[in-house]
Amino acid sequence: MATQMSQSDLDVTEQLARIRRMSAESDKLNEERLQFSREQFERQRRMAEESDKLHAERIKIMEETRIISFSTVFQGLIAVAALLGAGAAMGKLFFP
């Protein structure tokens, strides 16, 4: 003779099965969320690295495209003053 489970035992078994399924689904969703967070972090890290590279390249290009530095302008002004002084001295020498 086959043994039959009572209705209350059957309900408890069904509830335990549902709880296990829900727990498995919850674990699966948590793993997916964790994976998504990892991917998002990796994307942000790559974007930050690319931004740093672009910033460094921009600074490098700005330094390369600077036509005249301030020290060069200052040296040029000193050279012009020296030439004017030399011209004045020569003019005084030849045209007293």
N, C-alpha and C. Protein backbone atom coordinates (compact mmCIF):
# COMPACT_ATOMS: atom_id res chain seq x y z
N MET A 1 0.84 -1.15 0.00
CA MET A 1 0.00 0.00 0.00
C MET A 1 0.89 1.23 0.00
N ALA A 2 0.55 2.17 -0.83
CA ALA A 2 1.34 3.39 -0.97
C ALA A 2 1.02 4.33 0.18
N THR A 3 2.08 5.02 0.59
CA THR A 3 1.90 5.98 1.67
C THR A 3 1.54 7.32 1.08
N GLN A 4 0.52 7.93 1.59
CA GLN A 4 0.11 9.24 1.12
C GLN A 4 0.53 10.29 2.12
N MET A 5 0.97 11.46 1.56
CA MET A 5 1.35 12.56 2.44
C MET A 5 0.11 13.35 2.78
N SER A 6 0.08 13.84 3.98
CA SER A 6 -1.06 14.67 4.35
C SER A 6 -0.95 16.02 3.66
N GLN A 7 -2.05 16.72 3.60
CA GLN A 7 -2.10 18.01 2.91
C GLN A 7 -1.16 19.03 3.55
N SER A 8 -1.02 19.05 4.85
CA SER A 8 -0.14 20.01 5.53
C SER A 8 1.33 19.72 5.21
N ASP A 9 1.70 18.41 5.11
CA ASP A 9 3.07 18.08 4.73
C ASP A 9 3.35 18.51 3.30
N LEU A 10 2.35 18.35 2.45
CA LEU A 10 2.49 18.73 1.05
C LEU A 10 2.67 20.24 0.94
N ASP A 11 1.90 21.02 1.70
CA ASP A 11 2.03 22.47 1.68
C ASP A 11 3.41 22.91 2.16
N VAL A 12 3.92 22.29 3.20
CA VAL A 12 5.24 22.63 3.73
C VAL A 12 6.31 22.31 2.69
N THR A 13 6.16 21.17 2.03
CA THR A 13 7.12 20.78 1.00
C THR A 13 7.09 21.77 -0.15
N GLU A 14 5.91 22.16 -0.57
CA GLU A 14 5.78 23.15 -1.65
C GLU A 14 6.38 24.49 -1.23
N GLN A 15 6.13 24.89 -0.02
CA GLN A 15 6.68 26.15 0.47
C GLN A 15 8.20 26.10 0.52
N LEU A 16 8.76 25.00 0.99
CA LEU A 16 10.22 24.85 1.01
C LEU A 16 10.80 24.89 -0.40
N ALA A 17 10.11 24.26 -1.34
CA ALA A 17 10.58 24.27 -2.74
C ALA A 17 10.52 25.69 -3.30
N ARG A 18 9.45 26.39 -2.99
CA ARG A 18 9.35 27.79 -3.44
C ARG A 18 10.45 28.66 -2.83
N ILE A 19 10.69 28.45 -1.53
CA ILE A 19 11.74 29.21 -0.85
C ILE A 19 13.09 28.93 -1.49
N ARG A 20 13.37 27.67 -1.80
CA ARG A 20 14.64 27.32 -2.43
C ARG A 20 14.76 27.97 -3.82
N ARG A 21 13.67 27.93 -4.59
CA ARG A 21 13.68 28.56 -5.93
C ARG A 21 13.91 30.06 -5.81
N MET A 22 13.18 30.68 -4.88
CA MET A 22 13.34 32.12 -4.69
C MET A 22 14.76 32.46 -4.24
N SER A 23 15.32 31.65 -3.38
CA SER A 23 16.69 31.87 -2.91
C SER A 23 17.68 31.73 -4.07
N ALA A 24 17.46 30.72 -4.92
CA ALA A 24 18.33 30.53 -6.08
C ALA A 24 18.21 31.70 -7.05
N GLU A 25 16.98 32.16 -7.27
CA GLU A 25 16.77 33.32 -8.16
C GLU A 25 17.40 34.58 -7.57
N SER A 26 17.27 34.73 -6.26
CA SER A 26 17.87 35.88 -5.58
C SER A 26 19.40 35.84 -5.71
N ASP A 27 19.98 34.66 -5.51
CA ASP A 27 21.43 34.52 -5.68
C ASP A 27 21.85 34.84 -7.11
N LYS A 28 21.06 34.38 -8.06
CA LYS A 28 21.36 34.64 -9.47
C LYS A 28 21.29 36.14 -9.76
N LEU A 29 20.26 36.81 -9.25
CA LEU A 29 20.14 38.26 -9.46
C LEU A 29 21.27 39.02 -8.78
N ASN A 30 21.65 38.59 -7.60
CA ASN A 30 22.78 39.24 -6.91
C ASN A 30 24.07 39.07 -7.70
N GLU A 31 24.27 37.88 -8.27
CA GLU A 31 25.47 37.64 -9.08
C GLU A 31 25.45 38.52 -10.33
N GLU A 32 24.28 38.65 -10.96
CA GLU A 32 24.17 39.51 -12.15
C GLU A 32 24.44 40.97 -11.78
N ARG A 33 23.91 41.40 -10.65
CA ARG A 33 24.13 42.77 -10.20
C ARG A 33 25.61 43.01 -9.92
N LEU A 34 26.26 42.04 -9.28
CA LEU A 34 27.68 42.14 -8.99
C LEU A 34 28.48 42.20 -10.29
N GLN A 35 28.13 41.36 -11.26
CA GLN A 35 28.82 41.36 -12.54
C GLN A 35 28.63 42.70 -13.25
N PHE A 36 27.41 43.23 -13.20
CA PHE A 36 27.14 44.53 -13.81
C PHE A 36 27.96 45.63 -13.14
N SER A 37 28.07 45.56 -11.81
CA SER A 37 28.87 46.56 -11.09
C SER A 37 30.34 46.46 -11.47
N ARG A 38 30.83 45.24 -11.62
CA ARG A 38 32.22 45.06 -12.05
C ARG A 38 32.45 45.65 -13.44
N GLU A 39 31.52 45.36 -14.36
CA GLU A 39 31.65 45.88 -15.72
C GLU A 39 31.59 47.41 -15.72
N GLN A 40 30.68 47.95 -14.94
CA GLN A 40 30.55 49.40 -14.86
C GLN A 40 31.82 50.02 -14.28
N PHE A 41 32.39 49.42 -13.26
CA PHE A 41 33.63 49.91 -12.67
C PHE A 41 34.76 49.86 -13.70
N GLU A 42 34.83 48.77 -14.44
CA GLU A 42 35.87 48.62 -15.46
C GLU A 42 35.72 49.68 -16.55
N ARG A 43 34.48 49.95 -16.96
CA ARG A 43 34.24 50.99 -17.97
C ARG A 43 34.68 52.35 -17.45
N GLN A 44 34.34 52.66 -16.21
CA GLN A 44 34.73 53.95 -15.63
C GLN A 44 36.24 54.06 -15.49
N ARG A 45 36.91 52.97 -15.15
CA ARG A 45 38.36 52.98 -15.03
C ARG A 45 39.01 53.24 -16.39
N ARG A 46 38.49 52.57 -17.43
CA ARG A 46 39.03 52.78 -18.78
C ARG A 46 38.78 54.21 -19.25
N MET A 47 37.61 54.75 -18.94
CA MET A 47 37.31 56.13 -19.32
C MET A 47 38.24 57.10 -18.60
N ALA A 48 38.52 56.84 -17.33
CA ALA A 48 39.42 57.70 -16.57
C ALA A 48 40.84 57.63 -17.15
N GLU A 49 41.28 56.44 -17.52
CA GLU A 49 42.61 56.30 -18.13
C GLU A 49 42.67 57.05 -19.45
N GLU A 50 41.62 56.91 -20.25
CA GLU A 50 41.59 57.60 -21.54
C GLU A 50 41.56 59.11 -21.35
N SER A 51 40.82 59.57 -20.36
CA SER A 51 40.75 60.99 -20.06
C SER A 51 42.12 61.51 -19.63
N ASP A 52 42.82 60.74 -18.80
CA ASP A 52 44.17 61.14 -18.38
C ASP A 52 45.13 61.21 -19.57
N LYS A 53 45.02 60.25 -20.47
CA LYS A 53 45.87 60.26 -21.66
C LYS A 53 45.59 61.48 -22.53
N LEU A 54 44.30 61.77 -22.73
CA LEU A 54 43.93 62.92 -23.55
C LEU A 54 44.40 64.23 -22.90
N HIS A 55 44.29 64.31 -21.58
CA HIS A 55 44.72 65.51 -20.88
C HIS A 55 46.24 65.70 -21.02
N ALA A 56 46.98 64.62 -20.86
CA ALA A 56 48.44 64.69 -21.01
C ALA A 56 48.82 65.08 -22.44
N GLU A 57 48.11 64.52 -23.40
CA GLU A 57 48.38 64.84 -24.81
C GLU A 57 48.06 66.31 -25.10
N ARG A 58 46.97 66.80 -24.52
CA ARG A 58 46.60 68.20 -24.73
C ARG A 58 47.66 69.13 -24.16
N ILE A 59 48.16 68.82 -22.97
CA ILE A 59 49.21 69.64 -22.36
C ILE A 59 50.48 69.59 -23.20
N LYS A 60 50.81 68.41 -23.69
CA LYS A 60 52.00 68.26 -24.53
C LYS A 60 51.87 69.09 -25.80
N ILE A 61 50.71 69.04 -26.44
CA ILE A 61 50.49 69.81 -27.67
C ILE A 61 50.54 71.30 -27.38
N MET A 62 49.98 71.72 -26.26
CA MET A 62 50.02 73.14 -25.91
C MET A 62 51.46 73.60 -25.70
N GLU A 63 52.28 72.77 -25.08
CA GLU A 63 53.69 73.13 -24.89
C GLU A 63 54.43 73.18 -26.22
N GLU A 64 54.11 72.25 -27.12
CA GLU A 64 54.77 72.22 -28.42
C GLU A 64 54.36 73.38 -29.31
N THR A 65 53.13 73.82 -29.18
CA THR A 65 52.63 74.87 -30.07
C THR A 65 52.89 76.27 -29.53
N ARG A 66 53.45 76.37 -28.34
CA ARG A 66 53.80 77.69 -27.82
C ARG A 66 54.89 78.26 -28.72
N ILE A 67 54.63 79.40 -29.32
CA ILE A 67 55.54 79.95 -30.32
C ILE A 67 56.77 80.53 -29.66
N ILE A 68 56.59 81.40 -28.72
CA ILE A 68 57.72 82.05 -28.07
C ILE A 68 57.50 82.00 -26.56
N SER A 69 58.53 81.56 -25.86
CA SER A 69 58.41 81.54 -24.41
C SER A 69 58.75 82.92 -23.86
N PHE A 70 58.43 83.15 -22.62
CA PHE A 70 58.66 84.46 -22.00
C PHE A 70 60.15 84.78 -21.88
N SER A 71 60.96 83.76 -21.61
CA SER A 71 62.41 84.01 -21.51
C SER A 71 62.99 84.41 -22.85
N THR A 72 62.46 83.84 -23.94
CA THR A 72 62.93 84.22 -25.28
C THR A 72 62.59 85.67 -25.57
N VAL A 73 61.41 86.11 -25.20
CA VAL A 73 61.01 87.51 -25.41
C VAL A 73 61.92 88.43 -24.60
N PHE A 74 62.20 88.08 -23.36
CA PHE A 74 63.06 88.88 -22.51
C PHE A 74 64.48 88.97 -23.10
N GLN A 75 64.99 87.85 -23.56
CA GLN A 75 66.32 87.85 -24.18
C GLN A 75 66.34 88.70 -25.45
N GLY A 76 65.24 88.64 -26.21
CA GLY A 76 65.14 89.47 -27.41
C GLY A 76 65.15 90.95 -27.08
N LEU A 77 64.45 91.34 -26.03
CA LEU A 77 64.45 92.75 -25.62
C LEU A 77 65.84 93.20 -25.17
N ILE A 78 66.55 92.34 -24.47
CA ILE A 78 67.92 92.67 -24.07
C ILE A 78 68.80 92.83 -25.31
N ALA A 79 68.64 91.95 -26.30
CA ALA A 79 69.44 92.03 -27.53
C ALA A 79 69.14 93.32 -28.29
N VAL A 80 67.86 93.71 -28.35
CA VAL A 80 67.49 94.96 -29.03
C VAL A 80 68.12 96.15 -28.31
N ALA A 81 68.07 96.13 -26.98
CA ALA A 81 68.67 97.22 -26.21
C ALA A 81 70.18 97.29 -26.45
N ALA A 82 70.82 96.11 -26.53
CA ALA A 82 72.26 96.08 -26.79
C ALA A 82 72.57 96.63 -28.18
N LEU A 83 71.75 96.25 -29.17
CA LEU A 83 71.96 96.75 -30.53
C LEU A 83 71.76 98.26 -30.60
N LEU A 84 70.74 98.75 -29.92
CA LEU A 84 70.51 100.20 -29.91
C LEU A 84 71.67 100.93 -29.24
N GLY A 85 72.18 100.36 -28.15
CA GLY A 85 73.33 100.96 -27.47
C GLY A 85 74.56 100.96 -28.36
N ALA A 86 74.77 99.84 -29.05
CA ALA A 86 75.91 99.75 -29.95
C ALA A 86 75.76 100.72 -31.11
N GLY A 87 74.55 100.86 -31.62
CA GLY A 87 74.30 101.81 -32.71
C GLY A 87 74.53 103.24 -32.26
N ALA A 88 74.10 103.54 -31.05
CA ALA A 88 74.32 104.90 -30.53
C ALA A 88 75.80 105.17 -30.35
N ALA A 89 76.53 104.18 -29.87
CA ALA A 89 77.97 104.35 -29.69
C ALA A 89 78.69 104.53 -31.04
N MET A 90 78.28 103.76 -32.04
CA MET A 90 78.89 103.89 -33.36
C MET A 90 78.54 105.24 -33.97
N GLY A 91 77.30 105.67 -33.80
CA GLY A 91 76.89 106.96 -34.32
C GLY A 91 77.66 108.07 -33.68
N LYS A 92 77.90 108.00 -32.40
CA LYS A 92 78.67 109.02 -31.70
C LYS A 92 80.14 108.99 -32.16
N LEU A 93 80.63 107.78 -32.47
CA LEU A 93 82.01 107.64 -32.90
C LEU A 93 82.21 108.24 -34.29
N PHE A 94 81.31 107.93 -35.22
CA PHE A 94 81.45 108.40 -36.60
C PHE A 94 80.87 109.78 -36.84
N PHE A 95 79.89 110.17 -36.08
CA PHE A 95 79.26 111.48 -36.25
C PHE A 95 79.33 112.26 -34.94
N PRO A 96 80.51 112.83 -34.65
CA PRO A 96 80.67 113.50 -33.34
C PRO A 96 79.86 114.75 -33.20
